[in-house]
Amino acid sequence: MATQPDFGRFDVLLLDIVRVFESRVVFACIPQPSSVSLLFPADAYRATFTRHAEGTVCPISFVKDVLFPYALNVLPEFLAEQWDEPSFAGYRNAFPDEYRNDRSAFEAHVRDLVARDVKAPYLKALQGHLWTKGYESGVLKAPLFPDVPPFITNAHAAGKKIMIYSSGSVPAQKLLFAHTTAQPPDMSVLISDWFDTVNAGPKTDVASYTTILSHHPDISPARWIFLSDNLNEVDAARQSGMHSIPAVRPGNAPLPSHHPLSEFAVSEFTPASIAQAAAAIAAKTLA
């Protein structure tokens, strides 16, 4: 019989996705109150993981070089066909007044926001809508890092909760995880909850993580662990009471050496690496 992976003392895995897209998948893990061991024995703990996604579960280049250009490429034809359609009205009316009634101004504003990497919620909603056809047609597939599918699958099988937190809209998050290069490709069925800047708030605000925790009041903050490639987000999550670990993944910029948590960053997603990093951070905090 195969050995069950030890995901430690956490109940929730909160995962981030990638920084450039500001869509975070976070793995949050939660320890059972009956145990205080930093070794995170599987028989004493259950876990929830919350993650940031792009740059954490899939390459930043997928967002920067594939998703963003795809949306801009299909935008002119889409606006020509859908501008006056009732199904598009909600997206158009979410934009500032000066862009709602002028198609050219609308398109120019979208291109400007993307060029400046502005994380406006109304832009993120539109991008998710534009990506829908690309995902459903098979043109777009999210290339997850090889260690991500087994990590999520094993965590789910072990009874952990996997949640996503991203500045990309919740619909866009669901599209990404439903259309991946994994086998089977639909990983969305393994995700317990989804958060973005609308239903939670900005990724670097402590209040956003407090809001996420309030959606699951039965789980103590100390039983969550958040993984992200953004140290400002890691700090905010920790201030909310969650555990949090920085991640360094292929294609990401190096973490600043002066930050006290940079030395504990994980480069691969395995139960052992996350448990060891969490234990090391806890030991340093108590020292």
C-alpha atoms as a PDB file:
ATOM      1  CA  MET A   1       0.000   0.000   0.000  1.00  0.00           C
ATOM      2  CA  ALA A   2       1.334   3.453  -0.901  1.00  0.00           C
ATOM      3  CA  THR A   3       2.258   5.740   1.980  1.00  0.00           C
ATOM      4  CA  GLN A   4      -0.133   8.664   2.441  1.00  0.00           C
ATOM      5  CA  PRO A   5       1.741  11.975   1.905  1.00  0.00           C
ATOM      6  CA  ASP A   6       2.206  13.905   5.154  1.00  0.00           C
ATOM      7  CA  PHE A   7       0.766  17.385   4.683  1.00  0.00           C
ATOM      8  CA  GLY A   8       1.404  18.336   8.281  1.00  0.00           C
ATOM      9  CA  ARG A   9      -0.592  20.327  10.712  1.00  0.00           C
ATOM     10  CA  PHE A  10      -2.523  22.430   8.246  1.00  0.00           C
ATOM     11  CA  ASP A  11      -6.150  22.165   7.133  1.00  0.00           C
ATOM     12  CA  VAL A  12      -6.144  24.805   4.395  1.00  0.00           C
ATOM     13  CA  LEU A  13      -3.736  25.229   1.499  1.00  0.00           C
ATOM     14  CA  LEU A  14      -4.100  28.784   0.189  1.00  0.00           C
ATOM     15  CA  LEU A  15      -2.273  29.185  -3.117  1.00  0.00           C
ATOM     16  CA  ASP A  16      -1.206  32.149  -5.194  1.00  0.00           C
ATOM     17  CA  ILE A  17      -0.973  31.917  -9.006  1.00  0.00           C
ATOM     18  CA  VAL A  18       1.530  34.403 -10.505  1.00  0.00           C
ATOM     19  CA  ARG A  19       2.546  37.904  -9.543  1.00  0.00           C
ATOM     20  CA  VAL A  20       2.238  39.563 -12.942  1.00  0.00           C
ATOM     21  CA  PHE A  21      -1.377  38.445 -13.154  1.00  0.00           C
ATOM     22  CA  GLU A  22      -1.857  39.070  -9.443  1.00  0.00           C
ATOM     23  CA  SER A  23      -3.906  35.931  -9.312  1.00  0.00           C
ATOM     24  CA  ARG A  24      -2.896  34.020  -6.251  1.00  0.00           C
ATOM     25  CA  VAL A  25      -3.562  30.481  -5.344  1.00  0.00           C
ATOM     26  CA  VAL A  26      -2.883  29.930  -1.700  1.00  0.00           C
ATOM     27  CA  PHE A  27      -2.439  26.715   0.247  1.00  0.00           C
ATOM     28  CA  ALA A  28      -3.463  27.214   3.838  1.00  0.00           C
ATOM     29  CA  CYS A  29      -2.855  24.448   6.323  1.00  0.00           C
ATOM     30  CA  ILE A  30      -4.473  24.163   9.707  1.00  0.00           C
ATOM     31  CA  PRO A  31      -3.281  22.098  12.698  1.00  0.00           C
ATOM     32  CA  GLN A  32      -5.625  20.159  14.931  1.00  0.00           C
ATOM     33  CA  PRO A  33      -5.818  21.868  18.337  1.00  0.00           C
ATOM     34  CA  SER A  34      -4.798  18.618  20.033  1.00  0.00           C
ATOM     35  CA  SER A  35      -1.243  18.809  18.700  1.00  0.00           C
ATOM     36  CA  VAL A  36       1.622  21.272  19.089  1.00  0.00           C
ATOM     37  CA  SER A  37       4.285  19.339  17.188  1.00  0.00           C
ATOM     38  CA  LEU A  38       6.194  21.266  14.528  1.00  0.00           C
ATOM     39  CA  LEU A  39       6.759  18.017  12.647  1.00  0.00           C
ATOM     40  CA  PHE A  40       3.183  18.190  11.400  1.00  0.00           C
ATOM     41  CA  PRO A  41       2.264  14.478  11.809  1.00  0.00           C
ATOM     42  CA  ALA A  42      -0.548  13.534   9.446  1.00  0.00           C
ATOM     43  CA  ASP A  43      -2.453  11.663  12.129  1.00  0.00           C
ATOM     44  CA  ALA A  44      -2.602  14.757  14.344  1.00  0.00           C
ATOM     45  CA  TYR A  45      -3.374  17.452  11.806  1.00  0.00           C
ATOM     46  CA  ARG A  46      -5.597  18.261   8.917  1.00  0.00           C
ATOM     47  CA  ALA A  47      -4.852  21.048   6.459  1.00  0.00           C
ATOM     48  CA  THR A  48      -6.297  23.730   4.266  1.00  0.00           C
ATOM     49  CA  PHE A  49      -4.058  25.222   1.603  1.00  0.00           C
ATOM     50  CA  THR A  50      -4.545  28.596  -0.033  1.00  0.00           C
ATOM     51  CA  ARG A  51      -2.377  29.507  -2.990  1.00  0.00           C
ATOM     52  CA  HIS A  52      -1.461  32.240  -5.335  1.00  0.00           C
ATOM     53  CA  ALA A  53      -1.444  30.856  -8.862  1.00  0.00           C
ATOM     54  CA  GLU A  54       0.602  32.515 -11.604  1.00  0.00           C
ATOM     55  CA  GLY A  55       4.283  32.237 -10.799  1.00  0.00           C
ATOM     56  CA  THR A  56       3.391  29.771  -8.060  1.00  0.00           C
ATOM     57  CA  VAL A  57       1.434  27.005  -9.783  1.00  0.00           C
ATOM     58  CA  CYS A  58       2.094  27.977 -13.402  1.00  0.00           C
ATOM     59  CA  PRO A  59       4.756  30.085 -15.157  1.00  0.00           C
ATOM     60  CA  ILE A  60       4.455  33.858 -15.181  1.00  0.00           C
ATOM     61  CA  SER A  61       5.154  33.675 -18.912  1.00  0.00           C
ATOM     62  CA  PHE A  62       1.790  31.968 -19.490  1.00  0.00           C
ATOM     63  CA  VAL A  63       0.021  35.087 -18.283  1.00  0.00           C
ATOM     64  CA  LYS A  64       2.379  37.671 -19.720  1.00  0.00           C
ATOM     65  CA  ASP A  65       3.080  36.035 -23.077  1.00  0.00           C
ATOM     66  CA  VAL A  66      -0.125  34.060 -23.705  1.00  0.00           C
ATOM     67  CA  LEU A  67      -3.184  35.217 -21.741  1.00  0.00           C
ATOM     68  CA  PHE A  68      -2.691  38.985 -21.914  1.00  0.00           C
ATOM     69  CA  PRO A  69      -1.863  39.032 -25.662  1.00  0.00           C
ATOM     70  CA  TYR A  70      -4.755  36.680 -26.436  1.00  0.00           C
ATOM     71  CA  ALA A  71      -7.255  39.026 -24.781  1.00  0.00           C
ATOM     72  CA  LEU A  72      -5.889  42.044 -26.644  1.00  0.00           C
ATOM     73  CA  ASN A  73      -5.868  40.187 -29.971  1.00  0.00           C
ATOM     74  CA  VAL A  74      -9.522  39.158 -29.776  1.00  0.00           C
ATOM     75  CA  LEU A  75     -10.719  42.440 -28.238  1.00  0.00           C
ATOM     76  CA  PRO A  76     -11.416  44.436 -31.463  1.00  0.00           C
ATOM     77  CA  GLU A  77     -13.531  41.708 -33.074  1.00  0.00           C
ATOM     78  CA  PHE A  78     -15.252  40.983 -29.778  1.00  0.00           C
ATOM     79  CA  LEU A  79     -16.215  44.635 -29.281  1.00  0.00           C
ATOM     80  CA  ALA A  80     -17.470  44.897 -32.867  1.00  0.00           C
ATOM     81  CA  GLU A  81     -19.772  41.925 -32.314  1.00  0.00           C
ATOM     82  CA  GLN A  82     -20.801  42.379 -28.682  1.00  0.00           C
ATOM     83  CA  TRP A  83     -20.753  46.123 -27.942  1.00  0.00           C
ATOM     84  CA  ASP A  84     -24.545  46.525 -27.912  1.00  0.00           C
ATOM     85  CA  GLU A  85     -25.407  43.037 -26.690  1.00  0.00           C
ATOM     86  CA  PRO A  86     -27.181  42.778 -23.305  1.00  0.00           C
ATOM     87  CA  SER A  87     -24.750  40.044 -22.263  1.00  0.00           C
ATOM     88  CA  PHE A  88     -21.862  42.526 -22.519  1.00  0.00           C
ATOM     89  CA  ALA A  89     -23.592  45.437 -20.794  1.00  0.00           C
ATOM     90  CA  GLY A  90     -22.473  44.429 -17.313  1.00  0.00           C
ATOM     91  CA  TYR A  91     -18.808  44.372 -18.321  1.00  0.00           C
ATOM     92  CA  ARG A  92     -19.015  47.666 -20.238  1.00  0.00           C
ATOM     93  CA  ASN A  93     -20.929  49.476 -17.509  1.00  0.00           C
ATOM     94  CA  ALA A  94     -18.336  48.499 -14.905  1.00  0.00           C
ATOM     95  CA  PHE A  95     -15.825  50.751 -16.689  1.00  0.00           C
ATOM     96  CA  PRO A  96     -15.529  54.476 -15.812  1.00  0.00           C
ATOM     97  CA  ASP A  97     -18.196  56.690 -17.384  1.00  0.00           C
ATOM     98  CA  GLU A  98     -15.911  58.242 -20.000  1.00  0.00           C
ATOM     99  CA  TYR A  99     -15.268  54.856 -21.656  1.00  0.00           C
ATOM    100  CA  ARG A 100     -18.730  53.269 -21.598  1.00  0.00           C
ATOM    101  CA  ASN A 101     -20.206  54.880 -24.702  1.00  0.00           C
ATOM    102  CA  ASP A 102     -17.184  55.152 -26.990  1.00  0.00           C
ATOM    103  CA  ARG A 103     -15.912  51.847 -28.348  1.00  0.00           C
ATOM    104  CA  SER A 104     -12.553  53.263 -29.451  1.00  0.00           C
ATOM    105  CA  ALA A 105     -11.978  54.932 -26.094  1.00  0.00           C
ATOM    106  CA  PHE A 106     -12.978  51.710 -24.344  1.00  0.00           C
ATOM    107  CA  GLU A 107     -10.447  49.654 -26.297  1.00  0.00           C
ATOM    108  CA  ALA A 108      -7.702  52.243 -25.812  1.00  0.00           C
ATOM    109  CA  HIS A 109      -8.342  52.260 -22.077  1.00  0.00           C
ATOM    110  CA  VAL A 110      -8.097  48.467 -21.902  1.00  0.00           C
ATOM    111  CA  ARG A 111      -4.773  48.501 -23.746  1.00  0.00           C
ATOM    112  CA  ASP A 112      -3.442  51.246 -21.489  1.00  0.00           C
ATOM    113  CA  LEU A 113      -4.395  49.361 -18.323  1.00  0.00           C
ATOM    114  CA  VAL A 114      -2.712  46.187 -19.579  1.00  0.00           C
ATOM    115  CA  ALA A 115       0.440  48.069 -20.611  1.00  0.00           C
ATOM    116  CA  ARG A 116       0.687  49.612 -17.136  1.00  0.00           C
ATOM    117  CA  ASP A 117      -0.239  46.319 -15.410  1.00  0.00           C
ATOM    118  CA  VAL A 118      -3.110  47.978 -13.548  1.00  0.00           C
ATOM    119  CA  LYS A 119      -5.135  45.471 -11.502  1.00  0.00           C
ATOM    120  CA  ALA A 120      -8.527  47.159 -11.921  1.00  0.00           C
ATOM    121  CA  PRO A 121     -11.334  44.708 -11.031  1.00  0.00           C
ATOM    122  CA  TYR A 122     -13.389  45.726 -14.085  1.00  0.00           C
ATOM    123  CA  LEU A 123     -10.418  44.931 -16.345  1.00  0.00           C
ATOM    124  CA  LYS A 124      -9.892  41.552 -14.692  1.00  0.00           C
ATOM    125  CA  ALA A 125     -13.573  40.708 -15.191  1.00  0.00           C
ATOM    126  CA  LEU A 126     -13.355  41.597 -18.891  1.00  0.00           C
ATOM    127  CA  GLN A 127     -10.154  39.591 -19.380  1.00  0.00           C
ATOM    128  CA  GLY A 128     -11.750  36.532 -17.825  1.00  0.00           C
ATOM    129  CA  HIS A 129     -14.717  36.918 -20.165  1.00  0.00           C
ATOM    130  CA  LEU A 130     -12.434  37.198 -23.205  1.00  0.00           C
ATOM    131  CA  TRP A 131     -10.438  34.131 -22.192  1.00  0.00           C
ATOM    132  CA  THR A 132     -13.548  31.950 -21.947  1.00  0.00           C
ATOM    133  CA  LYS A 133     -13.724  31.159 -25.666  1.00  0.00           C
ATOM    134  CA  GLY A 134      -9.986  30.507 -25.824  1.00  0.00           C
ATOM    135  CA  TYR A 135     -10.107  27.994 -22.991  1.00  0.00           C
ATOM    136  CA  GLU A 136     -13.271  26.290 -24.182  1.00  0.00           C
ATOM    137  CA  SER A 137     -11.936  25.942 -27.744  1.00  0.00           C
ATOM    138  CA  GLY A 138      -8.686  24.402 -26.525  1.00  0.00           C
ATOM    139  CA  VAL A 139      -6.532  27.302 -27.751  1.00  0.00           C
ATOM    140  CA  LEU A 140      -5.662  28.162 -24.147  1.00  0.00           C
ATOM    141  CA  LYS A 141      -4.401  25.592 -21.650  1.00  0.00           C
ATOM    142  CA  ALA A 142      -2.746  26.459 -18.341  1.00  0.00           C
ATOM    143  CA  PRO A 143       0.720  24.825 -18.172  1.00  0.00           C
ATOM    144  CA  LEU A 144       0.942  23.863 -14.509  1.00  0.00           C
ATOM    145  CA  PHE A 145       4.368  23.199 -13.037  1.00  0.00           C
ATOM    146  CA  PRO A 146       4.925  19.401 -12.939  1.00  0.00           C
ATOM    147  CA  ASP A 147       4.817  19.204  -9.134  1.00  0.00           C
ATOM    148  CA  VAL A 148       1.478  21.012  -8.847  1.00  0.00           C
ATOM    149  CA  PRO A 149      -1.057  18.368 -10.048  1.00  0.00           C
ATOM    150  CA  PRO A 150       0.224  15.612  -7.720  1.00  0.00           C
ATOM    151  CA  PHE A 151       0.499  18.095  -4.863  1.00  0.00           C
ATOM    152  CA  ILE A 152      -3.108  19.256  -5.233  1.00  0.00           C
ATOM    153  CA  THR A 153      -4.401  15.737  -5.892  1.00  0.00           C
ATOM    154  CA  ASN A 154      -2.612  14.245  -2.885  1.00  0.00           C
ATOM    155  CA  ALA A 155      -3.608  17.137  -0.616  1.00  0.00           C
ATOM    156  CA  HIS A 156      -7.253  16.690  -1.593  1.00  0.00           C
ATOM    157  CA  ALA A 157      -7.027  12.927  -1.051  1.00  0.00           C
ATOM    158  CA  ALA A 158      -5.542  13.572   2.392  1.00  0.00           C
ATOM    159  CA  GLY A 159      -8.583  15.647   3.353  1.00  0.00           C
ATOM    160  CA  LYS A 160      -6.992  19.074   2.945  1.00  0.00           C
ATOM    161  CA  LYS A 161      -8.848  22.100   1.607  1.00  0.00           C
ATOM    162  CA  ILE A 162      -7.265  23.852  -1.366  1.00  0.00           C
ATOM    163  CA  MET A 163      -8.312  27.451  -1.985  1.00  0.00           C
ATOM    164  CA  ILE A 164      -7.314  30.113  -4.496  1.00  0.00           C
ATOM    165  CA  TYR A 165      -6.712  33.817  -3.876  1.00  0.00           C
ATOM    166  CA  SER A 166      -6.046  36.014  -6.898  1.00  0.00           C
ATOM    167  CA  SER A 167      -6.419  39.534  -8.164  1.00  0.00           C
ATOM    168  CA  GLY A 168      -7.618  37.877 -11.324  1.00  0.00           C
ATOM    169  CA  SER A 169     -11.372  37.433 -11.142  1.00  0.00           C
ATOM    170  CA  VAL A 170     -12.885  34.285  -9.669  1.00  0.00           C
ATOM    171  CA  PRO A 171     -14.339  33.288 -13.080  1.00  0.00           C
ATOM    172  CA  ALA A 172     -10.847  33.626 -14.610  1.00  0.00           C
ATOM    173  CA  GLN A 173      -9.372  31.497 -11.831  1.00  0.00           C
ATOM    174  CA  LYS A 174     -11.938  28.782 -12.442  1.00  0.00           C
ATOM    175  CA  LEU A 175     -11.241  28.827 -16.180  1.00  0.00           C
ATOM    176  CA  LEU A 176      -7.513  28.416 -15.575  1.00  0.00           C
ATOM    177  CA  PHE A 177      -7.881  25.444 -13.257  1.00  0.00           C
ATOM    178  CA  ALA A 178     -10.549  23.803 -15.418  1.00  0.00           C
ATOM    179  CA  HIS A 179      -8.331  23.848 -18.524  1.00  0.00           C
ATOM    180  CA  THR A 180      -4.810  22.726 -17.640  1.00  0.00           C
ATOM    181  CA  THR A 181      -2.097  20.547 -19.135  1.00  0.00           C
ATOM    182  CA  ALA A 182      -2.556  18.050 -16.279  1.00  0.00           C
ATOM    183  CA  GLN A 183      -4.260  14.679 -16.627  1.00  0.00           C
ATOM    184  CA  PRO A 184      -7.128  14.911 -16.061  1.00  0.00           C
ATOM    185  CA  PRO A 185      -7.066  18.572 -17.155  1.00  0.00           C
ATOM    186  CA  ASP A 186      -9.880  19.817 -14.897  1.00  0.00           C
ATOM    187  CA  MET A 187      -8.285  20.587 -11.517  1.00  0.00           C
ATOM    188  CA  SER A 188     -11.076  22.975 -10.496  1.00  0.00           C
ATOM    189  CA  VAL A 189     -13.092  20.152  -8.926  1.00  0.00           C
ATOM    190  CA  LEU A 190     -10.371  19.843  -6.264  1.00  0.00           C
ATOM    191  CA  ILE A 191     -10.571  23.508  -5.211  1.00  0.00           C
ATOM    192  CA  SER A 192     -12.734  24.265  -2.166  1.00  0.00           C
ATOM    193  CA  ASP A 193     -13.053  28.040  -2.462  1.00  0.00           C
ATOM    194  CA  TRP A 194     -12.035  31.001  -4.608  1.00  0.00           C
ATOM    195  CA  PHE A 195     -11.114  34.576  -3.651  1.00  0.00           C
ATOM    196  CA  ASP A 196     -10.209  37.721  -5.595  1.00  0.00           C
ATOM    197  CA  THR A 197      -9.905  41.465  -4.999  1.00  0.00           C
ATOM    198  CA  VAL A 198     -13.691  41.838  -5.125  1.00  0.00           C
ATOM    199  CA  ASN A 199     -14.804  39.286  -2.524  1.00  0.00           C
ATOM    200  CA  ALA A 200     -11.646  39.511  -0.376  1.00  0.00           C
ATOM    201  CA  GLY A 201      -9.693  42.682  -1.191  1.00  0.00           C
ATOM    202  CA  PRO A 202      -6.152  43.697  -2.252  1.00  0.00           C
ATOM    203  CA  LYS A 203      -3.513  41.005  -1.854  1.00  0.00           C
ATOM    204  CA  THR A 204      -1.209  43.098   0.344  1.00  0.00           C
ATOM    205  CA  ASP A 205      -3.881  44.181   2.867  1.00  0.00           C
ATOM    206  CA  VAL A 206      -4.120  42.295   6.149  1.00  0.00           C
ATOM    207  CA  ALA A 207      -7.888  42.884   6.106  1.00  0.00           C
ATOM    208  CA  SER A 208      -8.195  40.796   2.931  1.00  0.00           C
ATOM    209  CA  TYR A 209      -6.846  37.702   4.674  1.00  0.00           C
ATOM    210  CA  THR A 210      -9.059  38.389   7.666  1.00  0.00           C
ATOM    211  CA  THR A 211     -12.003  38.449   5.263  1.00  0.00           C
ATOM    212  CA  ILE A 212     -10.952  35.101   3.797  1.00  0.00           C
ATOM    213  CA  LEU A 213     -10.717  33.628   7.292  1.00  0.00           C
ATOM    214  CA  SER A 214     -14.210  34.923   8.074  1.00  0.00           C
ATOM    215  CA  HIS A 215     -15.610  32.761   5.267  1.00  0.00           C
ATOM    216  CA  HIS A 216     -14.447  29.687   7.195  1.00  0.00           C
ATOM    217  CA  PRO A 217     -14.934  30.571  10.886  1.00  0.00           C
ATOM    218  CA  ASP A 218     -14.710  26.919  11.922  1.00  0.00           C
ATOM    219  CA  ILE A 219     -11.011  26.851  10.947  1.00  0.00           C
ATOM    220  CA  SER A 220      -8.524  28.600  13.218  1.00  0.00           C
ATOM    221  CA  PRO A 221      -6.140  31.048  11.471  1.00  0.00           C
ATOM    222  CA  ALA A 222      -3.199  29.032  12.827  1.00  0.00           C
ATOM    223  CA  ARG A 223      -4.372  26.089  10.728  1.00  0.00           C
ATOM    224  CA  TRP A 224      -3.979  27.900   7.421  1.00  0.00           C
ATOM    225  CA  ILE A 225      -0.837  28.264   5.315  1.00  0.00           C
ATOM    226  CA  PHE A 226      -0.483  30.659   2.405  1.00  0.00           C
ATOM    227  CA  LEU A 227       2.104  30.247  -0.374  1.00  0.00           C
ATOM    228  CA  SER A 228       2.995  33.205  -2.580  1.00  0.00           C
ATOM    229  CA  ASP A 229       5.902  34.605  -4.594  1.00  0.00           C
ATOM    230  CA  ASN A 230       5.153  38.084  -3.205  1.00  0.00           C
ATOM    231  CA  LEU A 231       6.706  38.832   0.198  1.00  0.00           C
ATOM    232  CA  ASN A 232       4.307  41.717   0.848  1.00  0.00           C
ATOM    233  CA  GLU A 233       1.459  39.230   0.557  1.00  0.00           C
ATOM    234  CA  VAL A 234       3.274  36.741   2.774  1.00  0.00           C
ATOM    235  CA  ASP A 235       3.693  39.429   5.441  1.00  0.00           C
ATOM    236  CA  ALA A 236       0.026  40.452   5.234  1.00  0.00           C
ATOM    237  CA  ALA A 237      -1.150  36.848   5.553  1.00  0.00           C
ATOM    238  CA  ARG A 238       1.062  36.287   8.601  1.00  0.00           C
ATOM    239  CA  GLN A 239      -0.331  39.413  10.282  1.00  0.00           C
ATOM    240  CA  SER A 240      -3.828  37.955   9.923  1.00  0.00           C
ATOM    241  CA  GLY A 241      -2.779  34.921  11.957  1.00  0.00           C
ATOM    242  CA  MET A 242      -2.178  32.540   9.054  1.00  0.00           C
ATOM    243  CA  HIS A 243       1.070  30.735   8.472  1.00  0.00           C
ATOM    244  CA  SER A 244       2.684  31.830   5.227  1.00  0.00           C
ATOM    245  CA  ILE A 245       5.707  30.758   3.187  1.00  0.00           C
ATOM    246  CA  PRO A 246       7.353  32.506   0.224  1.00  0.00           C
ATOM    247  CA  ALA A 247       7.768  30.517  -2.991  1.00  0.00           C
ATOM    248  CA  VAL A 248      10.460  30.812  -5.656  1.00  0.00           C
ATOM    249  CA  ARG A 249       9.455  29.189  -8.921  1.00  0.00           C
ATOM    250  CA  PRO A 250      11.019  28.998 -12.421  1.00  0.00           C
ATOM    251  CA  GLY A 251      10.829  32.333 -14.213  1.00  0.00           C
ATOM    252  CA  ASN A 252      10.227  34.390 -11.061  1.00  0.00           C
ATOM    253  CA  ALA A 253      12.406  37.281  -9.954  1.00  0.00           C
ATOM    254  CA  PRO A 254      14.697  36.508  -6.982  1.00  0.00           C
ATOM    255  CA  LEU A 255      13.346  37.399  -3.559  1.00  0.00           C
ATOM    256  CA  PRO A 256      15.090  40.307  -1.785  1.00  0.00           C
ATOM    257  CA  SER A 257      17.900  38.942   0.374  1.00  0.00           C
ATOM    258  CA  HIS A 258      17.232  41.420   3.176  1.00  0.00           C
ATOM    259  CA  HIS A 259      13.768  40.036   3.957  1.00  0.00           C
ATOM    260  CA  PRO A 260      13.903  37.716   6.993  1.00  0.00           C
ATOM    261  CA  LEU A 261      11.727  35.059   5.322  1.00  0.00           C
ATOM    262  CA  SER A 262      13.556  34.864   1.986  1.00  0.00           C
ATOM    263  CA  GLU A 263      15.891  32.144   3.268  1.00  0.00           C
ATOM    264  CA  PHE A 264      12.890  29.887   3.951  1.00  0.00           C
ATOM    265  CA  ALA A 265      11.399  30.096   0.450  1.00  0.00           C
ATOM    266  CA  VAL A 266      10.299  26.812  -1.112  1.00  0.00           C
ATOM    267  CA  SER A 267      11.157  26.007  -4.716  1.00  0.00           C
ATOM    268  CA  GLU A 268       9.091  22.837  -5.010  1.00  0.00           C
ATOM    269  CA  PHE A 269       5.667  21.840  -3.766  1.00  0.00           C
ATOM    270  CA  THR A 270       5.949  18.723  -1.652  1.00  0.00           C
ATOM    271  CA  PRO A 271       4.521  18.006   1.807  1.00  0.00           C
ATOM    272  CA  ALA A 272       8.057  17.696   3.199  1.00  0.00           C
ATOM    273  CA  SER A 273       9.364  20.996   1.808  1.00  0.00           C
ATOM    274  CA  ILE A 274       6.367  22.966   3.059  1.00  0.00           C
ATOM    275  CA  ALA A 275       6.393  21.324   6.494  1.00  0.00           C
ATOM    276  CA  GLN A 276      10.121  21.970   6.882  1.00  0.00           C
ATOM    277  CA  ALA A 277       9.822  25.613   5.843  1.00  0.00           C
ATOM    278  CA  ALA A 278       6.864  26.213   8.168  1.00  0.00           C
ATOM    279  CA  ALA A 279       8.739  24.607  11.062  1.00  0.00           C
ATOM    280  CA  ALA A 280      11.872  26.671  10.379  1.00  0.00           C
ATOM    281  CA  ILE A 281       9.896  29.924  10.245  1.00  0.00           C
ATOM    282  CA  ALA A 282       8.074  29.040  13.468  1.00  0.00           C
ATOM    283  CA  ALA A 283      11.362  28.227  15.196  1.00  0.00           C
ATOM    284  CA  LYS A 284      12.917  31.524  14.088  1.00  0.00           C
ATOM    285  CA  THR A 285       9.854  33.466  15.213  1.00  0.00           C
ATOM    286  CA  LEU A 286      10.022  31.880  18.671  1.00  0.00           C
ATOM    287  CA  ALA A 287      13.799  32.304  18.996  1.00  0.00           C
END
